[in-house]
Amino acid sequence: MSTLSAKSEAPAVVSEATPNERITAIVPARDEEMTIEACVRSLARQAEIAEIFVVNDHSTDHTAEMVQGLAKEIRKLQLLEARKIPAGWLGKNHAVWEGAKRATSRWLLFTDADAELLDGAAARALGIAGETGAVLVSFSPEQVTKTWYEKALIPFVYSRLAKHFSYDAVNDAESKTAAANGQFLMIREDVYDKIGGHESVAGDVLEDVALAKRTKAARYPIWFGSGVGVVRVRMYRSFDEMWEGWKKNLYLLVGGTPGAVVRELALVLPWITLALLVFGLKAPVVFVAALGLLVARHAAYGSTLLRNHFRVVHILYYIPAVALYVGVLWASYRAYTQGAVEWKGRRISVKAAG
């Protein structure tokens, strides 16, 4: 899961980690030969990370061999092999659970193989935990977008998710809103055990959000904020991968009910503008008014992009962004009503809420 509102910034004060504040980083990896080296090297540069476990989740490429090679020069790196996935578990959840059971540090950092931590990231997370008392610290990573479809869809998705989960609400102990991003989720090991760890969310597609909800429900403070300058991610490297990724998650992220989908579509589609454009084909004044509304939509989107730390130039992709978002949201809804989504060659059984 990735999001959200840009209001909450990380506290500036960063304290020096003591030995009992060391971190174990756990990276699930399934066919990640293109990204795993950059991820591991970024983790290795963090002095606060005492051990790195890459859990090979039945990869069919050269992921395992690459990690074995890196382990020869990075002493704190270990390659673990995920065992057969038990019934009721998702592969990623089982892989990180395998890693967590081997951890010896006070803090566990779950991160993805496509994530790259910037210098000082681990220290900043520990500093936030020390200053706020949070037992779970998560960053919504800075997004790297290179192709037109990434620049269209990804900023739009994050802008929409900011409407559903705000950092301020997540970080408010009195609010029931809880969220986290599995691309950088650090949790204290004793709390992780008390809430049941990934075993308690074994079948959850949005396991990061589920862990945050369980942590907050247990009355522990959590902190979630922008990861700009802390961690960056290029989530997808092809259109098909991007489509399948959001198809897997988006239905749940907007609420996980048919009603939530209808409300979301009503909000993102410029219904009035589209209607006026059609009627304006025979009435120039109406057409001009429609164009004015469309310009206003672009301006509003530009403001939203800035609030969520995206470049305002992405405003140029507003129309294809809406089209892609509506399309993948509908595809996600259809997949959940049909009972299955697919990701990385695996078919995941899911159930849509009524």
Protein backbone atom coordinates (compact mmCIF):
# COMPACT_ATOMS: atom_id res chain seq x y z
CA MET A 1 0.00 0.00 0.00
CA SER A 2 1.26 3.44 -0.81
CA THR A 3 -0.03 6.87 0.00
CA LEU A 4 -0.83 9.59 1.50
CA SER A 5 -1.43 13.21 2.50
CA ALA A 6 1.71 15.31 2.67
CA LYS A 7 0.89 17.23 5.84
CA SER A 8 2.96 15.25 8.35
CA GLU A 9 6.69 15.63 7.89
CA ALA A 10 9.31 13.60 9.72
CA PRO A 11 10.61 15.30 12.87
CA ALA A 12 13.94 16.95 12.22
CA VAL A 13 15.66 15.65 15.36
CA VAL A 14 17.49 12.37 14.83
CA SER A 15 19.11 10.64 17.77
CA GLU A 16 22.11 8.35 17.57
CA ALA A 17 21.06 4.71 17.75
CA THR A 18 22.28 2.68 20.72
CA PRO A 19 23.09 -1.04 20.37
CA ASN A 20 19.64 -2.13 21.55
CA GLU A 21 18.08 0.04 18.85
CA ARG A 22 19.65 -1.91 16.01
CA ILE A 23 17.53 -3.07 13.12
CA THR A 24 17.04 -6.31 11.21
CA ALA A 25 16.01 -5.63 7.61
CA ILE A 26 13.84 -8.27 5.94
CA VAL A 27 13.36 -8.27 2.17
CA PRO A 28 11.01 -10.72 0.42
CA ALA A 29 12.29 -11.37 -3.08
CA ARG A 30 10.51 -13.15 -5.90
CA ASP A 31 12.12 -12.73 -9.31
CA GLU A 32 13.86 -9.48 -8.38
CA GLU A 33 17.17 -9.79 -10.25
CA MET A 34 16.73 -6.30 -11.74
CA THR A 35 16.35 -4.53 -8.40
CA ILE A 36 17.77 -6.59 -5.57
CA GLU A 37 21.37 -5.34 -5.71
CA ALA A 38 20.46 -1.66 -5.37
CA CYS A 39 18.11 -2.49 -2.51
CA VAL A 40 20.65 -4.57 -0.60
CA ARG A 41 23.47 -2.06 -1.04
CA SER A 42 21.24 0.75 0.22
CA LEU A 43 20.43 -1.30 3.32
CA ALA A 44 24.08 -2.18 3.86
CA ARG A 45 24.99 1.52 3.96
CA GLN A 46 22.74 2.06 6.99
CA ALA A 47 24.90 1.74 10.11
CA GLU A 48 21.85 1.06 12.27
CA ILE A 49 20.96 -2.09 10.32
CA ALA A 50 22.75 -4.99 11.99
CA GLU A 51 21.54 -7.78 9.72
CA ILE A 52 19.86 -8.10 6.35
CA PHE A 53 17.76 -11.12 5.47
CA VAL A 54 16.74 -11.52 1.85
CA VAL A 55 14.10 -14.23 1.73
CA ASN A 56 14.05 -15.90 -1.67
CA ASP A 57 10.38 -16.54 -2.38
CA HIS A 58 10.73 -19.35 -4.92
CA SER A 59 12.31 -17.15 -7.59
CA THR A 60 12.72 -18.50 -11.11
CA ASP A 61 15.40 -16.00 -12.16
CA HIS A 62 18.89 -15.24 -10.81
CA THR A 63 17.78 -13.47 -7.63
CA ALA A 64 19.27 -16.07 -5.28
CA GLU A 65 22.60 -16.22 -7.08
CA MET A 66 22.90 -12.43 -7.02
CA VAL A 67 22.25 -12.29 -3.27
CA GLN A 68 24.77 -15.07 -2.64
CA GLY A 69 27.34 -13.07 -4.54
CA LEU A 70 26.59 -9.92 -2.58
CA ALA A 71 26.82 -11.84 0.71
CA LYS A 72 30.50 -12.49 0.00
CA GLU A 73 31.25 -8.78 0.40
CA ILE A 74 28.42 -7.72 2.75
CA ARG A 75 28.89 -9.62 6.00
CA LYS A 76 25.55 -8.71 7.52
CA LEU A 77 23.64 -10.07 4.52
CA GLN A 78 22.10 -13.55 4.56
CA LEU A 79 20.04 -15.35 1.96
CA LEU A 80 17.14 -17.36 3.34
CA GLU A 81 15.01 -19.75 1.32
CA ALA A 82 11.26 -19.58 1.90
CA ARG A 83 9.69 -22.94 2.56
CA LYS A 84 6.51 -24.21 0.93
CA ILE A 85 3.67 -21.74 1.40
CA PRO A 86 1.17 -23.11 3.95
CA ALA A 87 -2.54 -23.08 3.23
CA GLY A 88 -4.13 -19.72 3.99
CA TRP A 89 -0.91 -17.74 3.51
CA LEU A 90 0.14 -15.38 0.75
CA GLY A 91 3.69 -15.90 -0.51
CA LYS A 92 5.06 -12.51 0.49
CA ASN A 93 3.55 -12.67 3.97
CA HIS A 94 5.02 -16.12 4.54
CA ALA A 95 8.44 -15.06 3.27
CA VAL A 96 8.76 -12.08 5.62
CA TRP A 97 7.42 -14.18 8.50
CA GLU A 98 10.25 -16.65 7.86
CA GLY A 99 12.73 -13.81 8.04
CA ALA A 100 11.21 -12.24 11.15
CA LYS A 101 11.59 -15.48 13.08
CA ARG A 102 15.36 -15.32 12.53
CA ALA A 103 15.79 -11.69 13.57
CA THR A 104 17.88 -10.77 16.60
CA SER A 105 17.41 -6.98 16.67
CA ARG A 106 15.02 -4.84 18.68
CA TRP A 107 13.52 -3.41 15.50
CA LEU A 108 12.32 -5.14 12.34
CA LEU A 109 12.35 -3.31 9.02
CA PHE A 110 10.22 -4.77 6.27
CA THR A 111 11.05 -3.39 2.87
CA ASP A 112 10.57 -4.44 -0.75
CA ALA A 113 13.24 -5.46 -3.22
CA ASP A 114 12.48 -2.43 -5.40
CA ALA A 115 12.99 0.03 -2.55
CA GLU A 116 16.21 2.00 -2.15
CA LEU A 117 16.96 3.61 1.20
CA LEU A 118 18.74 6.95 1.02
CA ASP A 119 21.56 7.87 3.36
CA GLY A 120 20.38 8.30 6.94
CA ALA A 121 17.02 6.61 6.37
CA ALA A 122 17.31 4.07 9.18
CA ALA A 123 18.61 6.69 11.62
CA ARG A 124 15.72 8.95 10.73
CA ALA A 125 13.20 6.19 11.40
CA LEU A 126 14.75 5.46 14.78
CA GLY A 127 14.81 9.17 15.56
CA ILE A 128 11.10 9.47 14.80
CA ALA A 129 10.38 6.46 17.01
CA GLY A 130 12.38 8.01 19.84
CA GLU A 131 10.79 11.41 19.53
CA THR A 132 7.16 10.32 19.08
CA GLY A 133 7.12 7.07 21.02
CA ALA A 134 5.84 5.24 17.95
CA VAL A 135 6.40 1.48 17.89
CA LEU A 136 5.67 1.36 14.16
CA VAL A 137 7.24 3.86 11.76
CA SER A 138 6.44 3.77 8.07
CA PHE A 139 7.27 5.99 5.12
CA SER A 140 5.35 6.40 1.89
CA PRO A 141 8.29 6.31 -0.53
CA GLU A 142 9.30 8.87 -3.08
CA GLN A 143 8.06 7.50 -6.40
CA VAL A 144 10.35 7.19 -9.41
CA THR A 145 8.37 7.38 -12.65
CA LYS A 146 9.95 7.12 -16.09
CA THR A 147 7.34 6.14 -18.67
CA TRP A 148 4.25 8.14 -19.60
CA TYR A 149 1.92 5.60 -18.01
CA GLU A 150 3.83 5.67 -14.71
CA LYS A 151 3.74 9.48 -14.72
CA ALA A 152 0.01 9.40 -15.40
CA LEU A 153 -1.30 6.71 -13.07
CA ILE A 154 1.02 6.58 -10.06
CA PRO A 155 0.79 10.24 -8.95
CA PHE A 156 -2.98 10.12 -9.50
CA VAL A 157 -3.35 6.98 -7.37
CA TYR A 158 -1.35 8.48 -4.53
CA SER A 159 -3.31 11.71 -4.73
CA ARG A 160 -6.55 9.77 -4.43
CA LEU A 161 -5.28 7.67 -1.54
CA ALA A 162 -4.41 10.87 0.28
CA LYS A 163 -8.15 11.52 0.40
CA HIS A 164 -8.78 8.18 2.07
CA PHE A 165 -5.88 8.13 4.55
CA SER A 166 -4.25 11.28 5.83
CA TYR A 167 -1.01 11.20 7.76
CA ASP A 168 -2.57 13.38 10.45
CA ALA A 169 -5.42 10.93 11.00
CA VAL A 170 -3.12 7.91 11.00
CA ASN A 171 -0.80 9.55 13.54
CA ASP A 172 -3.67 10.68 15.79
CA ALA A 173 -4.00 8.21 18.65
CA GLU A 174 -7.70 9.08 18.98
CA SER A 175 -8.46 8.30 15.33
CA LYS A 176 -9.26 4.76 14.20
CA THR A 177 -7.55 5.41 10.86
CA ALA A 178 -4.46 3.26 10.42
CA ALA A 179 -2.15 2.74 7.48
CA ALA A 180 1.42 1.89 6.60
CA ASN A 181 3.48 1.14 3.52
CA GLY A 182 5.23 -2.21 3.25
CA GLN A 183 8.02 -0.67 1.20
CA PHE A 184 9.32 0.80 4.47
CA LEU A 185 7.66 -0.51 7.62
CA MET A 186 9.70 -0.59 10.81
CA ILE A 187 8.15 -2.13 13.91
CA ARG A 188 9.48 -2.97 17.35
CA GLU A 189 10.05 -6.70 17.60
CA ASP A 190 8.23 -7.21 20.91
CA VAL A 191 5.13 -5.42 19.61
CA TYR A 192 5.29 -7.39 16.37
CA ASP A 193 5.18 -10.59 18.43
CA LYS A 194 2.36 -9.34 20.67
CA ILE A 195 0.06 -8.51 17.75
CA GLY A 196 0.75 -11.86 16.11
CA GLY A 197 3.18 -10.72 13.42
CA HIS A 198 2.54 -11.68 9.82
CA GLU A 199 0.93 -14.89 11.00
CA SER A 200 -2.04 -12.77 12.12
CA VAL A 201 -2.39 -11.27 8.62
CA ALA A 202 -1.33 -14.36 6.68
CA GLY A 203 -3.97 -14.05 3.97
CA ASP A 204 -4.21 -10.26 3.74
CA VAL A 205 -3.37 -8.70 0.37
CA LEU A 206 -2.75 -5.37 2.13
CA GLU A 207 -0.68 -6.87 4.92
CA ASP A 208 1.02 -3.54 5.70
CA VAL A 209 -2.27 -1.79 6.40
CA ALA A 210 -3.49 -4.81 8.36
CA LEU A 211 -0.39 -4.73 10.60
CA ALA A 212 -0.87 -1.02 11.21
CA LYS A 213 -4.51 -1.59 12.14
CA ARG A 214 -3.62 -4.36 14.57
CA THR A 215 -0.89 -2.23 16.15
CA LYS A 216 -3.16 0.75 16.61
CA ALA A 217 -6.06 -1.40 17.83
CA ALA A 218 -3.73 -2.70 20.54
CA ARG A 219 -3.31 0.94 21.65
CA TYR A 220 0.26 1.33 20.48
CA PRO A 221 1.26 4.63 18.80
CA ILE A 222 2.18 4.51 15.11
CA TRP A 223 3.73 7.10 12.80
CA PHE A 224 3.29 7.38 9.04
CA GLY A 225 4.67 10.11 6.83
CA SER A 226 6.25 11.17 3.58
CA GLY A 227 9.36 9.29 2.51
CA VAL A 228 10.73 12.00 0.24
CA GLY A 229 14.46 12.13 0.90
CA VAL A 230 14.27 8.88 2.89
CA VAL A 231 13.36 6.03 0.57
CA ARG A 232 12.55 5.87 -3.13
CA VAL A 233 10.90 3.23 -5.26
CA ARG A 234 10.22 2.55 -8.90
CA MET A 235 7.27 0.26 -8.37
CA TYR A 236 6.72 -1.05 -11.89
CA ARG A 237 8.83 -1.51 -15.00
CA SER A 238 6.14 -2.39 -17.53
CA PHE A 239 2.55 -1.41 -18.21
CA ASP A 240 1.29 -4.95 -17.58
CA GLU A 241 3.09 -5.11 -14.22
CA MET A 242 1.67 -1.74 -13.20
CA TRP A 243 -1.84 -2.74 -14.21
CA GLU A 244 -1.71 -6.05 -12.34
CA GLY A 245 -0.20 -4.40 -9.25
CA TRP A 246 -2.93 -1.80 -8.87
CA LYS A 247 -5.59 -4.30 -9.94
CA LYS A 248 -4.51 -6.38 -6.95
CA ASN A 249 -4.66 -3.52 -4.44
CA LEU A 250 -6.85 -0.64 -5.55
CA TYR A 251 -10.28 -2.07 -4.78
CA LEU A 252 -9.24 -2.64 -1.17
CA LEU A 253 -7.49 0.71 -0.86
CA VAL A 254 -10.56 2.74 -1.81
CA GLY A 255 -12.74 0.88 0.67
CA GLY A 256 -13.25 -2.68 -0.55
CA THR A 257 -16.99 -2.44 -1.25
CA PRO A 258 -19.03 -1.86 -4.42
CA GLY A 259 -20.43 1.30 -2.83
CA ALA A 260 -16.94 2.64 -2.26
CA VAL A 261 -16.12 2.06 -5.93
CA VAL A 262 -19.23 3.94 -7.04
CA ARG A 263 -18.38 6.88 -4.79
CA GLU A 264 -14.81 6.94 -6.04
CA LEU A 265 -15.88 6.93 -9.68
CA ALA A 266 -18.36 9.70 -9.01
CA LEU A 267 -15.59 11.83 -7.52
CA VAL A 268 -12.82 11.29 -10.07
CA LEU A 269 -14.75 11.34 -13.34
CA PRO A 270 -15.48 14.90 -14.56
CA TRP A 271 -19.12 14.08 -15.33
CA ILE A 272 -20.34 17.64 -15.74
CA THR A 273 -17.38 18.61 -17.91
CA LEU A 274 -17.89 15.60 -20.17
CA ALA A 275 -21.61 16.29 -20.51
CA LEU A 276 -20.99 19.93 -21.37
CA LEU A 277 -18.38 18.97 -23.95
CA VAL A 278 -20.92 16.72 -25.67
CA PHE A 279 -23.68 19.32 -25.61
CA GLY A 280 -21.16 21.97 -26.58
CA LEU A 281 -20.63 20.37 -29.97
CA LYS A 282 -23.79 22.20 -31.05
CA ALA A 283 -23.46 25.19 -28.74
CA PRO A 284 -20.11 27.01 -28.77
CA VAL A 285 -20.79 28.88 -25.54
CA VAL A 286 -21.37 25.62 -23.69
CA PHE A 287 -18.21 24.14 -25.22
CA VAL A 288 -16.15 27.09 -23.99
CA ALA A 289 -17.64 26.68 -20.51
CA ALA A 290 -16.69 23.00 -20.58
CA LEU A 291 -13.12 23.86 -21.51
CA GLY A 292 -13.01 26.29 -18.60
CA LEU A 293 -14.11 23.56 -16.21
CA LEU A 294 -11.47 21.24 -17.64
CA VAL A 295 -8.77 23.86 -17.05
CA ALA A 296 -10.02 24.23 -13.47
CA ARG A 297 -9.76 20.47 -13.01
CA HIS A 298 -6.16 20.57 -14.21
CA ALA A 299 -5.36 23.42 -11.83
CA ALA A 300 -6.89 21.59 -8.87
CA TYR A 301 -4.92 18.48 -9.75
CA GLY A 302 -1.72 20.51 -9.94
CA SER A 303 -2.31 21.78 -6.41
CA THR A 304 -2.92 18.20 -5.21
CA LEU A 305 0.28 17.01 -6.86
CA LEU A 306 2.34 19.62 -5.03
CA ARG A 307 0.77 18.75 -1.68
CA ASN A 308 1.76 15.13 -2.24
CA HIS A 309 5.34 15.88 -3.30
CA PHE A 310 4.91 15.21 -7.01
CA ARG A 311 6.18 17.50 -9.74
CA VAL A 312 3.50 19.81 -11.06
CA VAL A 313 4.48 18.87 -14.62
CA HIS A 314 2.47 15.68 -14.09
CA ILE A 315 -0.57 17.90 -14.57
CA LEU A 316 -0.05 17.29 -18.31
CA TYR A 317 -1.11 13.68 -17.77
CA TYR A 318 -4.40 14.50 -16.06
CA ILE A 319 -6.73 13.15 -18.76
CA PRO A 320 -4.88 9.84 -19.33
CA ALA A 321 -4.49 9.59 -15.54
CA VAL A 322 -8.25 9.69 -15.03
CA ALA A 323 -8.80 7.17 -17.81
CA LEU A 324 -6.20 4.74 -16.44
CA TYR A 325 -7.41 5.15 -12.86
CA VAL A 326 -11.03 4.49 -13.74
CA GLY A 327 -10.01 1.51 -15.85
CA VAL A 328 -7.82 -0.18 -13.28
CA LEU A 329 -10.25 0.52 -10.42
CA TRP A 330 -13.02 -1.14 -12.40
CA ALA A 331 -10.71 -4.05 -13.27
CA SER A 332 -9.82 -4.40 -9.59
CA TYR A 333 -13.48 -4.42 -8.59
CA ARG A 334 -14.27 -7.04 -11.26
CA ALA A 335 -11.37 -9.24 -10.12
CA TYR A 336 -12.59 -9.18 -6.52
CA THR A 337 -16.16 -9.98 -7.50
CA GLN A 338 -14.81 -12.90 -9.55
CA GLY A 339 -12.77 -14.13 -6.60
CA ALA A 340 -9.14 -13.95 -7.73
CA VAL A 341 -6.26 -11.64 -8.60
CA GLU A 342 -2.88 -12.54 -10.04
CA TRP A 343 0.57 -11.33 -9.09
CA LYS A 344 4.01 -12.59 -10.09
CA GLY A 345 2.69 -15.80 -11.55
CA ARG A 346 0.50 -16.66 -8.57
CA ARG A 347 -3.26 -16.74 -8.42
CA ILE A 348 -4.57 -15.23 -5.19
CA SER A 349 -8.07 -16.06 -4.01
CA VAL A 350 -9.91 -12.99 -2.76
CA LYS A 351 -13.42 -12.09 -1.72
CA ALA A 352 -15.26 -8.85 -2.34
CA ALA A 353 -17.24 -7.30 0.50
CA GLY A 354 -20.95 -6.86 -0.04
